[in-house]
Amino acid sequence: MLVAAATALLTGSAVVVLNGPAVATAAPDAAACSDVTDGALTWPVAAAAPQRCTAGRWQPVTDPYPFSDRWVSPGPSMALRGGARPNPAIEPGTWTATPLDPAARCRAEQVSVTYGKVDGPPRVDESAPGRPLTFDVIPRLFEIDMSGTCLWQKVGD
């Protein structure tokens, strides 16, 4: 569309832009924010900042460096920074992912770095549909992509 608009501008042609139906965003539904997810953060794909589940509603987080030991992935991939980057949103250690939908698969894809170089292929952990997942967030985590409608919680300290 951008090419058509640029061509039209240069040639003097008219461009008609048709708006399609509204597309739902990946933001969690207010009804999905419950006692189970209270206090957890989420970071929908298209959102500029994370949101916190507070009193049954997702509220914007104003902290410029969000950090939590509880996250909710809204289905599609939610990317978080690890300790190998400034201002990590998640820390290493043992984590559990619990599906919030009986058909959901909780999936974590982790990339680690050493001295600025990727250590190898991503580490992938994935649950069976509706089953919890226990896995370790790696110490030199650069980024983790969490997917599935799941609650992710750090175990212990």
Protein backbone atom coordinates (compact mmCIF):
# COMPACT_ATOMS: atom_id res chain seq x y z
CA MET A 1 0.00 0.00 0.00
CA LEU A 2 2.87 2.37 0.79
CA VAL A 3 4.32 1.83 -2.70
CA ALA A 4 0.92 2.52 -4.30
CA ALA A 5 0.52 5.73 -2.28
CA ALA A 6 4.04 6.90 -3.18
CA THR A 7 3.45 6.11 -6.87
CA ALA A 8 0.14 7.96 -6.80
CA LEU A 9 1.79 10.98 -5.21
CA LEU A 10 4.43 11.10 -7.95
CA THR A 11 2.00 10.53 -10.84
CA GLY A 12 -0.95 12.52 -9.54
CA SER A 13 -3.22 9.47 -9.38
CA ALA A 14 -5.83 9.00 -6.69
CA VAL A 15 -5.47 6.25 -4.12
CA VAL A 16 -8.45 4.73 -2.35
CA VAL A 17 -7.83 3.09 1.00
CA LEU A 18 -10.49 0.71 2.21
CA ASN A 19 -10.67 -0.05 5.89
CA GLY A 20 -11.32 -3.68 6.69
CA PRO A 21 -13.05 -5.05 9.76
CA ALA A 22 -11.58 -4.24 13.14
CA VAL A 23 -8.88 -6.64 14.27
CA ALA A 24 -8.67 -7.71 17.89
CA THR A 25 -5.39 -7.00 19.65
CA ALA A 26 -3.43 -9.50 21.72
CA ALA A 27 -4.24 -7.62 24.90
CA PRO A 28 -5.71 -9.79 27.62
CA ASP A 29 -9.45 -9.55 28.12
CA ALA A 30 -10.45 -7.81 31.36
CA ALA A 31 -12.52 -10.89 32.26
CA ALA A 32 -9.36 -13.05 32.07
CA CYS A 33 -7.76 -11.06 34.86
CA SER A 34 -8.78 -13.00 37.95
CA ASP A 35 -7.65 -13.92 41.45
CA VAL A 36 -5.31 -16.48 39.87
CA THR A 37 -3.49 -13.79 37.87
CA ASP A 38 -3.79 -10.96 40.42
CA GLY A 39 -0.49 -9.12 40.72
CA ALA A 40 0.97 -10.71 37.58
CA LEU A 41 2.27 -8.69 34.65
CA THR A 42 1.60 -9.19 30.95
CA TRP A 43 3.08 -7.53 27.89
CA PRO A 44 0.84 -7.92 24.84
CA VAL A 45 2.59 -7.94 21.46
CA ALA A 46 1.38 -4.52 20.27
CA ALA A 47 1.57 -2.78 23.66
CA ALA A 48 4.18 -0.12 24.38
CA ALA A 49 4.29 -1.07 28.05
CA PRO A 50 3.26 -3.98 30.26
CA GLN A 51 0.06 -4.24 32.26
CA ARG A 52 -0.58 -5.53 35.80
CA CYS A 53 -3.64 -7.48 36.93
CA THR A 54 -5.11 -5.42 39.77
CA ALA A 55 -8.57 -5.88 41.26
CA GLY A 56 -9.85 -7.87 38.29
CA ARG A 57 -8.63 -5.48 35.56
CA TRP A 58 -5.44 -5.07 33.52
CA GLN A 59 -3.89 -1.72 34.43
CA PRO A 60 -0.95 0.05 32.72
CA VAL A 61 2.41 -0.26 34.48
CA THR A 62 4.23 3.05 34.85
CA ASP A 63 7.57 1.59 35.98
CA PRO A 64 10.03 2.11 33.10
CA TYR A 65 11.84 -1.13 34.05
CA PRO A 66 9.12 -3.70 34.79
CA PHE A 67 10.29 -6.79 36.66
CA SER A 68 8.19 -9.62 38.04
CA ASP A 69 8.28 -13.22 39.18
CA ARG A 70 4.75 -13.71 37.72
CA TRP A 71 3.84 -13.14 34.07
CA VAL A 72 0.79 -13.99 31.94
CA SER A 73 1.35 -14.69 28.26
CA PRO A 74 -1.81 -13.74 26.34
CA GLY A 75 -1.47 -16.50 23.73
CA PRO A 76 0.87 -15.20 21.07
CA SER A 77 4.53 -14.71 21.82
CA MET A 78 5.48 -12.37 24.67
CA ALA A 79 9.17 -11.39 24.56
CA LEU A 80 10.97 -10.43 27.77
CA ARG A 81 14.54 -9.29 28.42
CA GLY A 82 16.82 -11.46 30.48
CA GLY A 83 19.81 -10.73 32.72
CA ALA A 84 22.27 -10.52 29.81
CA ARG A 85 20.61 -7.20 28.87
CA PRO A 86 20.13 -3.98 30.80
CA ASN A 87 16.92 -3.80 32.83
CA PRO A 88 15.85 -7.47 32.75
CA ALA A 89 12.15 -8.27 33.18
CA ILE A 90 12.73 -11.86 34.31
CA GLU A 91 15.41 -13.59 36.36
CA PRO A 92 17.06 -17.00 36.06
CA GLY A 93 15.94 -19.97 38.09
CA THR A 94 13.20 -22.58 38.09
CA TRP A 95 9.84 -21.47 36.69
CA THR A 96 6.47 -23.12 36.19
CA ALA A 97 3.96 -22.31 33.48
CA THR A 98 0.33 -23.18 34.10
CA PRO A 99 -2.16 -23.10 31.20
CA LEU A 100 -5.09 -20.74 31.77
CA ASP A 101 -6.95 -22.44 28.93
CA PRO A 102 -7.40 -26.25 28.89
CA ALA A 103 -6.13 -26.47 25.29
CA ALA A 104 -3.14 -24.14 25.76
CA ARG A 105 0.47 -25.24 25.35
CA CYS A 106 2.97 -23.25 27.40
CA ARG A 107 6.13 -22.69 25.36
CA ALA A 108 9.37 -20.91 26.28
CA GLU A 109 12.09 -20.20 23.73
CA GLN A 110 15.29 -18.84 25.29
CA VAL A 111 18.34 -17.26 23.69
CA SER A 112 21.52 -16.89 25.74
CA VAL A 113 24.65 -14.86 25.06
CA THR A 114 28.24 -14.85 26.26
CA TYR A 115 30.38 -11.77 25.60
CA GLY A 116 27.80 -10.45 23.16
CA LYS A 117 27.58 -13.60 21.03
CA VAL A 118 24.64 -15.98 20.85
CA ASP A 119 25.62 -19.28 22.49
CA GLY A 120 23.82 -21.53 20.01
CA PRO A 121 20.32 -22.46 18.92
CA PRO A 122 17.46 -21.34 21.18
CA ARG A 123 16.49 -23.61 24.06
CA VAL A 124 12.84 -24.62 23.70
CA ASP A 125 10.64 -26.05 26.45
CA GLU A 126 6.98 -26.85 25.70
CA SER A 127 4.15 -28.50 27.59
CA ALA A 128 1.48 -30.84 26.29
CA PRO A 129 -1.94 -29.18 25.84
CA GLY A 130 -3.45 -28.25 29.21
CA ARG A 131 -0.43 -29.54 31.15
CA PRO A 132 1.90 -27.42 33.33
CA LEU A 133 5.55 -26.95 32.41
CA THR A 134 8.51 -26.72 34.79
CA PHE A 135 11.76 -25.44 33.30
CA ASP A 136 14.85 -23.38 34.10
CA VAL A 137 15.37 -19.84 32.85
CA ILE A 138 19.03 -19.84 31.82
CA PRO A 139 21.57 -17.62 33.63
CA ARG A 140 22.87 -15.66 30.60
CA LEU A 141 19.41 -15.10 29.15
CA PHE A 142 19.27 -12.49 26.41
CA GLU A 143 15.59 -12.87 25.59
CA ILE A 144 12.77 -15.31 26.26
CA ASP A 145 9.65 -15.69 24.13
CA MET A 146 6.75 -17.10 26.15
CA SER A 147 3.63 -18.27 24.34
CA GLY A 148 0.34 -19.96 25.10
CA THR A 149 -2.32 -18.54 27.40
CA CYS A 150 -0.33 -19.34 30.54
CA LEU A 151 0.62 -18.06 33.99
CA TRP A 152 4.42 -18.14 34.46
CA GLN A 153 5.72 -18.15 38.05
CA LYS A 154 9.21 -18.31 39.54
CA VAL A 155 9.62 -21.18 42.02
CA GLY A 156 11.22 -20.31 45.36
CA ASP A 157 13.77 -17.53 45.76
